[in-house]
C-alpha atoms as a PDB file:
ATOM      1  CA  MET A   1      35.654 -13.403 -10.367  1.00  0.00           C
ATOM      2  CA  ALA A   2      34.913 -15.316 -13.576  1.00  0.00           C
ATOM      3  CA  ASP A   3      32.580 -14.048 -16.265  1.00  0.00           C
ATOM      4  CA  TYR A   4      29.206 -15.684 -16.725  1.00  0.00           C
ATOM      5  CA  TYR A   5      28.120 -17.423 -19.904  1.00  0.00           C
ATOM      6  CA  SER A   6      24.889 -16.307 -21.539  1.00  0.00           C
ATOM      7  CA  HIS A   7      22.921 -16.590 -24.777  1.00  0.00           C
ATOM      8  CA  LEU A   8      24.909 -13.579 -26.016  1.00  0.00           C
ATOM      9  CA  THR A   9      28.362 -14.981 -25.237  1.00  0.00           C
ATOM     10  CA  VAL A  10      27.399 -18.278 -26.886  1.00  0.00           C
ATOM     11  CA  LEU A  11      26.228 -16.413 -30.001  1.00  0.00           C
ATOM     12  CA  ASN A  12      29.443 -14.379 -30.137  1.00  0.00           C
ATOM     13  CA  SER A  13      31.516 -17.549 -29.863  1.00  0.00           C
ATOM     14  CA  ALA A  14      29.485 -19.436 -32.486  1.00  0.00           C
ATOM     15  CA  ALA A  15      29.640 -16.528 -34.945  1.00  0.00           C
ATOM     16  CA  THR A  16      33.433 -16.408 -34.510  1.00  0.00           C
ATOM     17  CA  LEU A  17      34.123 -20.144 -34.665  1.00  0.00           C
ATOM     18  CA  HIS A  18      31.425 -21.239 -37.128  1.00  0.00           C
ATOM     19  CA  PRO A  19      30.363 -18.150 -39.107  1.00  0.00           C
ATOM     20  CA  SER A  20      29.133 -20.008 -42.196  1.00  0.00           C
ATOM     21  CA  ASP A  21      27.338 -22.866 -40.412  1.00  0.00           C
ATOM     22  CA  PRO A  22      23.521 -22.670 -40.345  1.00  0.00           C
ATOM     23  CA  ALA A  23      21.996 -21.517 -37.074  1.00  0.00           C
ATOM     24  CA  PHE A  24      18.399 -21.743 -38.315  1.00  0.00           C
ATOM     25  CA  LYS A  25      16.460 -23.368 -41.122  1.00  0.00           C
ATOM     26  CA  VAL A  26      13.469 -21.097 -41.660  1.00  0.00           C
ATOM     27  CA  PRO A  27      10.512 -22.344 -43.754  1.00  0.00           C
ATOM     28  CA  GLN A  28       9.668 -20.186 -46.764  1.00  0.00           C
ATOM     29  CA  ILE A  29       7.202 -20.405 -49.644  1.00  0.00           C
ATOM     30  CA  ASN A  30       7.947 -19.485 -53.242  1.00  0.00           C
ATOM     31  CA  VAL A  31       5.137 -17.067 -54.098  1.00  0.00           C
ATOM     32  CA  LEU A  32       5.394 -17.928 -57.800  1.00  0.00           C
ATOM     33  CA  THR A  33       5.334 -21.711 -57.586  1.00  0.00           C
ATOM     34  CA  GLY A  34       3.771 -22.285 -54.180  1.00  0.00           C
ATOM     35  CA  GLU A  35       6.602 -24.636 -53.291  1.00  0.00           C
ATOM     36  CA  SER A  36       8.083 -24.597 -49.811  1.00  0.00           C
ATOM     37  CA  TYR A  37      11.786 -24.581 -49.037  1.00  0.00           C
ATOM     38  CA  TRP A  38      14.210 -24.043 -46.171  1.00  0.00           C
ATOM     39  CA  GLN A  39      16.162 -20.801 -45.913  1.00  0.00           C
ATOM     40  CA  SER A  40      19.454 -21.180 -44.066  1.00  0.00           C
ATOM     41  CA  ILE A  41      20.495 -18.409 -41.692  1.00  0.00           C
ATOM     42  CA  THR A  42      24.125 -18.692 -40.681  1.00  0.00           C
ATOM     43  CA  TYR A  43      25.579 -17.863 -37.291  1.00  0.00           C
ATOM     44  CA  SER A  44      27.258 -14.827 -38.829  1.00  0.00           C
ATOM     45  CA  GLU A  45      23.952 -13.603 -40.277  1.00  0.00           C
ATOM     46  CA  PHE A  46      22.167 -14.261 -36.988  1.00  0.00           C
ATOM     47  CA  HIS A  47      24.844 -12.337 -35.090  1.00  0.00           C
ATOM     48  CA  ASN A  48      24.592  -9.378 -37.478  1.00  0.00           C
ATOM     49  CA  ASP A  49      20.777  -9.387 -37.374  1.00  0.00           C
ATOM     50  CA  VAL A  50      20.799  -9.348 -33.567  1.00  0.00           C
ATOM     51  CA  ALA A  51      23.180  -6.368 -33.589  1.00  0.00           C
ATOM     52  CA  ARG A  52      20.980  -4.531 -36.101  1.00  0.00           C
ATOM     53  CA  VAL A  53      17.832  -5.066 -34.006  1.00  0.00           C
ATOM     54  CA  ALA A  54      19.756  -4.109 -30.862  1.00  0.00           C
ATOM     55  CA  ARG A  55      20.910  -0.842 -32.426  1.00  0.00           C
ATOM     56  CA  TYR A  56      17.347  -0.036 -33.457  1.00  0.00           C
ATOM     57  CA  TRP A  57      15.876  -0.584 -29.997  1.00  0.00           C
ATOM     58  CA  SER A  58      18.830   1.062 -28.276  1.00  0.00           C
ATOM     59  CA  ARG A  59      18.106   4.208 -30.271  1.00  0.00           C
ATOM     60  CA  ILE A  60      14.325   4.063 -29.656  1.00  0.00           C
ATOM     61  CA  LEU A  61      14.503   3.306 -25.942  1.00  0.00           C
ATOM     62  CA  THR A  62      17.323   5.757 -25.266  1.00  0.00           C
ATOM     63  CA  ALA A  63      15.287   8.481 -26.964  1.00  0.00           C
ATOM     64  CA  ALA A  64      12.439   7.598 -24.584  1.00  0.00           C
ATOM     65  CA  GLY A  65      14.765   8.199 -21.625  1.00  0.00           C
ATOM     66  CA  ILE A  66      15.062   4.522 -20.676  1.00  0.00           C
ATOM     67  CA  THR A  67      18.470   3.562 -19.344  1.00  0.00           C
ATOM     68  CA  ARG A  68      20.253   0.236 -19.719  1.00  0.00           C
ATOM     69  CA  ARG A  69      19.364  -2.628 -17.348  1.00  0.00           C
ATOM     70  CA  ALA A  70      15.713  -1.528 -17.355  1.00  0.00           C
ATOM     71  CA  THR A  71      13.080  -4.228 -17.832  1.00  0.00           C
ATOM     72  CA  ILE A  72      11.278  -4.214 -21.178  1.00  0.00           C
ATOM     73  CA  GLY A  73       8.072  -6.184 -21.734  1.00  0.00           C
ATOM     74  CA  LEU A  74       7.687  -8.167 -24.965  1.00  0.00           C
ATOM     75  CA  TRP A  75       4.087  -8.939 -25.919  1.00  0.00           C
ATOM     76  CA  TYR A  76       3.158 -10.175 -29.372  1.00  0.00           C
ATOM     77  CA  VAL A  77       0.028 -11.548 -30.976  1.00  0.00           C
ATOM     78  CA  ASP A  78       0.231 -15.033 -32.438  1.00  0.00           C
ATOM     79  CA  ASN A  79       1.206 -14.690 -36.100  1.00  0.00           C
ATOM     80  CA  HIS A  80      -1.709 -16.900 -37.169  1.00  0.00           C
ATOM     81  CA  SER A  81      -4.420 -15.009 -35.289  1.00  0.00           C
ATOM     82  CA  SER A  82      -6.693 -12.522 -36.983  1.00  0.00           C
ATOM     83  CA  PRO A  83      -6.465  -8.928 -35.687  1.00  0.00           C
ATOM     84  CA  PRO A  84      -8.559  -8.646 -32.512  1.00  0.00           C
ATOM     85  CA  LYS A  85     -11.821  -6.722 -32.596  1.00  0.00           C
ATOM     86  CA  SER A  86     -12.052  -6.371 -28.835  1.00  0.00           C
ATOM     87  CA  ASN A  87      -9.960  -6.845 -25.710  1.00  0.00           C
ATOM     88  CA  THR A  88     -11.632 -10.117 -24.739  1.00  0.00           C
ATOM     89  CA  ASN A  89     -10.998 -13.753 -25.598  1.00  0.00           C
ATOM     90  CA  VAL A  90      -7.848 -13.015 -27.575  1.00  0.00           C
ATOM     91  CA  VAL A  91      -4.445 -14.528 -26.861  1.00  0.00           C
ATOM     92  CA  PHE A  92      -1.752 -11.869 -26.894  1.00  0.00           C
ATOM     93  CA  ARG A  93       1.736 -13.273 -26.659  1.00  0.00           C
ATOM     94  CA  LEU A  94       5.300 -13.402 -27.833  1.00  0.00           C
ATOM     95  CA  GLY A  95       4.903 -16.289 -30.249  1.00  0.00           C
ATOM     96  CA  GLY A  96       8.527 -17.349 -29.974  1.00  0.00           C
ATOM     97  CA  MET A  97       8.285 -19.464 -33.115  1.00  0.00           C
ATOM     98  CA  ARG A  98       9.405 -16.911 -35.673  1.00  0.00           C
ATOM     99  CA  TYR A  99      12.921 -15.782 -36.433  1.00  0.00           C
ATOM    100  CA  GLN A 100      11.940 -12.170 -35.742  1.00  0.00           C
ATOM    101  CA  ASP A 101      10.749 -13.165 -32.243  1.00  0.00           C
ATOM    102  CA  VAL A 102      14.180 -14.588 -31.496  1.00  0.00           C
ATOM    103  CA  LEU A 103      15.826 -11.439 -32.833  1.00  0.00           C
ATOM    104  CA  HIS A 104      13.729  -9.260 -30.525  1.00  0.00           C
ATOM    105  CA  ILE A 105      14.615 -11.333 -27.461  1.00  0.00           C
ATOM    106  CA  TYR A 106      18.328 -11.381 -28.276  1.00  0.00           C
ATOM    107  CA  GLY A 107      18.255  -7.786 -29.534  1.00  0.00           C
ATOM    108  CA  ILE A 108      16.735  -6.384 -26.349  1.00  0.00           C
ATOM    109  CA  SER A 109      19.340  -8.272 -24.307  1.00  0.00           C
ATOM    110  CA  ARG A 110      22.169  -7.079 -26.574  1.00  0.00           C
ATOM    111  CA  ALA A 111      20.963  -3.483 -26.263  1.00  0.00           C
ATOM    112  CA  GLY A 112      21.509  -3.837 -22.514  1.00  0.00           C
ATOM    113  CA  TYR A 113      17.936  -4.341 -21.298  1.00  0.00           C
ATOM    114  CA  VAL A 114      16.155  -7.154 -19.446  1.00  0.00           C
ATOM    115  CA  PRO A 115      13.400  -8.867 -21.493  1.00  0.00           C
ATOM    116  CA  GLN A 116      10.164  -9.656 -19.650  1.00  0.00           C
ATOM    117  CA  LEU A 117       8.483 -12.458 -21.613  1.00  0.00           C
ATOM    118  CA  PHE A 118       4.836 -13.467 -21.341  1.00  0.00           C
ATOM    119  CA  SER A 119       3.555 -17.019 -21.744  1.00  0.00           C
ATOM    120  CA  LEU A 120       0.654 -18.393 -23.771  1.00  0.00           C
ATOM    121  CA  GLY A 121      -1.581 -18.491 -20.716  1.00  0.00           C
ATOM    122  CA  LEU A 122      -1.519 -14.766 -19.965  1.00  0.00           C
ATOM    123  CA  THR A 123      -4.345 -13.293 -22.034  1.00  0.00           C
ATOM    124  CA  SER A 124      -5.659 -10.343 -20.021  1.00  0.00           C
ATOM    125  CA  PRO A 125      -4.296  -6.817 -20.609  1.00  0.00           C
ATOM    126  CA  ILE A 126      -5.134  -6.067 -16.962  1.00  0.00           C
ATOM    127  CA  VAL A 127      -2.973  -8.957 -15.753  1.00  0.00           C
ATOM    128  CA  ILE A 128      -0.180  -8.004 -18.126  1.00  0.00           C
ATOM    129  CA  SER A 129      -0.310  -4.412 -16.905  1.00  0.00           C
ATOM    130  CA  GLU A 130      -0.046  -5.572 -13.287  1.00  0.00           C
ATOM    131  CA  LEU A 131       2.903  -7.865 -14.043  1.00  0.00           C
ATOM    132  CA  LEU A 132       4.693  -5.069 -15.879  1.00  0.00           C
ATOM    133  CA  ARG A 133       4.155  -2.851 -12.832  1.00  0.00           C
ATOM    134  CA  LYS A 134       5.463  -5.501 -10.427  1.00  0.00           C
ATOM    135  CA  ALA A 135       8.571  -5.974 -12.555  1.00  0.00           C
ATOM    136  CA  ASN A 136       9.068  -2.203 -12.660  1.00  0.00           C
ATOM    137  CA  ALA A 137       9.137  -2.457 -16.460  1.00  0.00           C
ATOM    138  CA  ARG A 138       9.873   0.778 -18.268  1.00  0.00           C
ATOM    139  CA  ALA A 139       8.462  -0.010 -21.711  1.00  0.00           C
ATOM    140  CA  LEU A 140       6.373  -2.464 -23.679  1.00  0.00           C
ATOM    141  CA  ILE A 141       7.052  -3.726 -27.209  1.00  0.00           C
ATOM    142  CA  PHE A 142       3.861  -5.017 -28.789  1.00  0.00           C
ATOM    143  CA  ASP A 143       2.478  -6.412 -32.017  1.00  0.00           C
ATOM    144  CA  PRO A 144       0.612  -3.833 -34.174  1.00  0.00           C
ATOM    145  CA  SER A 145      -2.668  -5.757 -33.943  1.00  0.00           C
ATOM    146  CA  PHE A 146      -2.518  -5.467 -30.145  1.00  0.00           C
ATOM    147  CA  GLU A 147      -2.796  -1.672 -30.162  1.00  0.00           C
ATOM    148  CA  CYS A 148      -6.523  -1.716 -29.360  1.00  0.00           C
ATOM    149  CA  ALA A 149      -5.817  -3.216 -25.903  1.00  0.00           C
ATOM    150  CA  LEU A 150      -3.173  -0.733 -24.760  1.00  0.00           C
ATOM    151  CA  GLY A 151      -5.609   1.493 -22.869  1.00  0.00           C
ATOM    152  CA  ASP A 152      -4.966  -0.390 -19.622  1.00  0.00           C
ATOM    153  CA  ILE A 153      -1.186  -0.301 -19.987  1.00  0.00           C
ATOM    154  CA  HIS A 154       0.306   3.038 -19.022  1.00  0.00           C
ATOM    155  CA  LEU A 155       3.878   2.591 -20.175  1.00  0.00           C
ATOM    156  CA  SER A 156       6.093   3.811 -22.945  1.00  0.00           C
ATOM    157  CA  SER A 157       4.823   1.506 -25.710  1.00  0.00           C
ATOM    158  CA  HIS A 158       6.422   0.718 -29.051  1.00  0.00           C
ATOM    159  CA  VAL A 159       5.318  -1.345 -32.034  1.00  0.00           C
ATOM    160  CA  ALA A 160       7.380  -4.454 -32.760  1.00  0.00           C
ATOM    161  CA  VAL A 161       9.027  -4.210 -36.149  1.00  0.00           C
ATOM    162  CA  ASP A 162       9.857  -6.662 -38.880  1.00  0.00           C
ATOM    163  CA  PRO A 163      13.661  -6.865 -38.645  1.00  0.00           C
ATOM    164  CA  GLN A 164      13.850  -7.087 -42.433  1.00  0.00           C
ATOM    165  CA  CYS A 165      12.382  -3.579 -42.592  1.00  0.00           C
ATOM    166  CA  ILE A 166      14.907  -2.058 -40.206  1.00  0.00           C
ATOM    167  CA  HIS A 167      17.431   0.164 -41.915  1.00  0.00           C
ATOM    168  CA  ASP A 168      20.680  -0.202 -40.032  1.00  0.00           C
ATOM    169  CA  SER A 169      21.552   2.940 -38.145  1.00  0.00           C
ATOM    170  CA  ALA A 170      24.769   4.539 -37.047  1.00  0.00           C
ATOM    171  CA  THR A 171      23.854   3.950 -33.405  1.00  0.00           C
ATOM    172  CA  THR A 172      26.874   2.528 -31.619  1.00  0.00           C
ATOM    173  CA  LEU A 173      26.218  -0.389 -29.316  1.00  0.00           C
ATOM    174  CA  LEU A 174      27.999  -0.308 -26.009  1.00  0.00           C
ATOM    175  CA  GLU A 175      30.109  -3.322 -25.231  1.00  0.00           C
ATOM    176  CA  SER A 176      28.149  -6.007 -23.423  1.00  0.00           C
ATOM    177  CA  PRO A 177      28.860  -5.414 -19.736  1.00  0.00           C
ATOM    178  CA  ARG A 178      31.026  -8.020 -18.060  1.00  0.00           C
ATOM    179  CA  ILE A 179      28.717  -9.914 -15.730  1.00  0.00           C
ATOM    180  CA  VAL A 180      30.453 -10.520 -12.420  1.00  0.00           C
ATOM    181  CA  ASN A 181      27.366 -10.548 -10.202  1.00  0.00           C
ATOM    182  CA  GLY A 182      25.443 -13.723 -10.873  1.00  0.00           C
ATOM    183  CA  ASP A 183      22.402 -12.387  -9.030  1.00  0.00           C
ATOM    184  CA  GLU A 184      21.726  -9.777 -11.727  1.00  0.00           C
ATOM    185  CA  THR A 185      18.531 -10.498 -13.654  1.00  0.00           C
ATOM    186  CA  ALA A 186      18.845 -11.780 -17.232  1.00  0.00           C
ATOM    187  CA  PHE A 187      15.168 -12.500 -17.971  1.00  0.00           C
ATOM    188  CA  VAL A 188      11.805 -12.134 -16.277  1.00  0.00           C
ATOM    189  CA  PHE A 189       9.333 -14.981 -16.715  1.00  0.00           C
ATOM    190  CA  HIS A 190       6.123 -15.815 -14.849  1.00  0.00           C
ATOM    191  CA  THR A 191       4.399 -18.738 -13.162  1.00  0.00           C
ATOM    192  CA  SER A 192       1.109 -20.001 -14.584  1.00  0.00           C
ATOM    193  CA  GLY A 193      -0.864 -18.652 -11.644  1.00  0.00           C
ATOM    194  CA  SER A 194      -2.620 -21.982 -11.186  1.00  0.00           C
ATOM    195  CA  THR A 195      -1.887 -22.254  -7.444  1.00  0.00           C
ATOM    196  CA  SER A 196      -2.453 -18.690  -6.277  1.00  0.00           C
ATOM    197  CA  GLY A 197      -4.852 -17.459  -8.952  1.00  0.00           C
ATOM    198  CA  SER A 198      -2.374 -14.856 -10.105  1.00  0.00           C
ATOM    199  CA  PRO A 199       0.970 -15.289 -11.911  1.00  0.00           C
ATOM    200  CA  LYS A 200       4.117 -14.503  -9.963  1.00  0.00           C
ATOM    201  CA  LEU A 201       7.302 -12.991 -11.333  1.00  0.00           C
ATOM    202  CA  VAL A 202      10.183 -15.385 -11.941  1.00  0.00           C
ATOM    203  CA  SER A 203      13.419 -13.423 -12.191  1.00  0.00           C
ATOM    204  CA  CYS A 204      16.028 -15.584 -13.889  1.00  0.00           C
ATOM    205  CA  SER A 205      19.513 -14.587 -12.857  1.00  0.00           C
ATOM    206  CA  HIS A 206      22.743 -14.715 -14.805  1.00  0.00           C
ATOM    207  CA  ARG A 207      23.868 -17.449 -12.397  1.00  0.00           C
ATOM    208  CA  TRP A 208      20.876 -19.548 -13.532  1.00  0.00           C
ATOM    209  CA  LEU A 209      21.541 -18.737 -17.203  1.00  0.00           C
ATOM    210  CA  ASN A 210      25.208 -19.643 -16.770  1.00  0.00           C
ATOM    211  CA  ALA A 211      24.187 -23.026 -15.343  1.00  0.00           C
ATOM    212  CA  ILE A 212      21.787 -23.641 -18.249  1.00  0.00           C
ATOM    213  CA  VAL A 213      24.522 -22.894 -20.805  1.00  0.00           C
ATOM    214  CA  LYS A 214      27.015 -25.198 -19.073  1.00  0.00           C
ATOM    215  CA  LYS A 215      24.439 -27.985 -18.846  1.00  0.00           C
ATOM    216  CA  ALA A 216      23.510 -27.555 -22.512  1.00  0.00           C
ATOM    217  CA  LYS A 217      27.168 -27.877 -23.455  1.00  0.00           C
ATOM    218  CA  GLN A 218      27.315 -31.217 -21.655  1.00  0.00           C
ATOM    219  CA  ILE A 219      24.162 -32.740 -23.113  1.00  0.00           C
ATOM    220  CA  CYS A 220      23.904 -31.071 -26.538  1.00  0.00           C
ATOM    221  CA  THR A 221      27.417 -31.381 -27.938  1.00  0.00           C
ATOM    222  CA  PRO A 222      27.171 -33.464 -31.153  1.00  0.00           C
ATOM    223  CA  ARG A 223      28.708 -36.919 -30.960  1.00  0.00           C
ATOM    224  CA  ASP A 224      30.241 -36.420 -34.382  1.00  0.00           C
ATOM    225  CA  PRO A 225      32.052 -33.041 -34.539  1.00  0.00           C
ATOM    226  CA  ARG A 226      31.882 -33.181 -38.346  1.00  0.00           C
ATOM    227  CA  ARG A 227      28.092 -32.932 -38.329  1.00  0.00           C
ATOM    228  CA  GLN A 228      25.481 -30.553 -36.928  1.00  0.00           C
ATOM    229  CA  ASP A 229      22.550 -31.972 -35.034  1.00  0.00           C
ATOM    230  CA  VAL A 230      19.154 -30.591 -36.099  1.00  0.00           C
ATOM    231  CA  THR A 231      16.482 -29.816 -33.522  1.00  0.00           C
ATOM    232  CA  VAL A 232      12.855 -29.307 -34.535  1.00  0.00           C
ATOM    233  CA  TRP A 233      11.498 -26.147 -32.916  1.00  0.00           C
ATOM    234  CA  MET A 234       7.813 -26.588 -32.048  1.00  0.00           C
END
């Protein structure tokens, strides 16, 4: 049976074939002049950063007794929100717009776990707790400013870290398992809950992810192989 493509296999291939090409252009501000500029992050750097984050969370989650293939919830606060003073009327979410968000998603996958990602519309800690329970999640990674709302979530909980502050460890990553069963879950998403009043779990399989990668290859391959297309991420 053939292997399945995934975000991890694509990253491995890109880092091997195009190590010095930019994967991201991240906006930065010069604190001395106030001028903005774009920081290039190459595929090689992205690949290494993912491995470093994966080693960190592999060590933390293994120490908590959580085995590979377990579901791990990712719940961040929007980077532009002020720290919440109560549990109400605050949007808690994985922003998804920052480089470190991407590293956590890829890193949790690379460490051998299944990321459970929450959308902008899910704002209640009670709802989040119920969805974590339904997904049989074993841990929750959260933004530091979200700590005040953890009382309703009875899981092994860990503060999300700035990848730049992670000191690489000697933890050895296991080889990514060869996916031969397309029905295995790669990600857990959720519906909006608009029809039933409560979000439902959407387990995205490796078969689905494989199809997405193959479709992206068909529609996203640059017309001119000498140039990289740039996509604005908003």
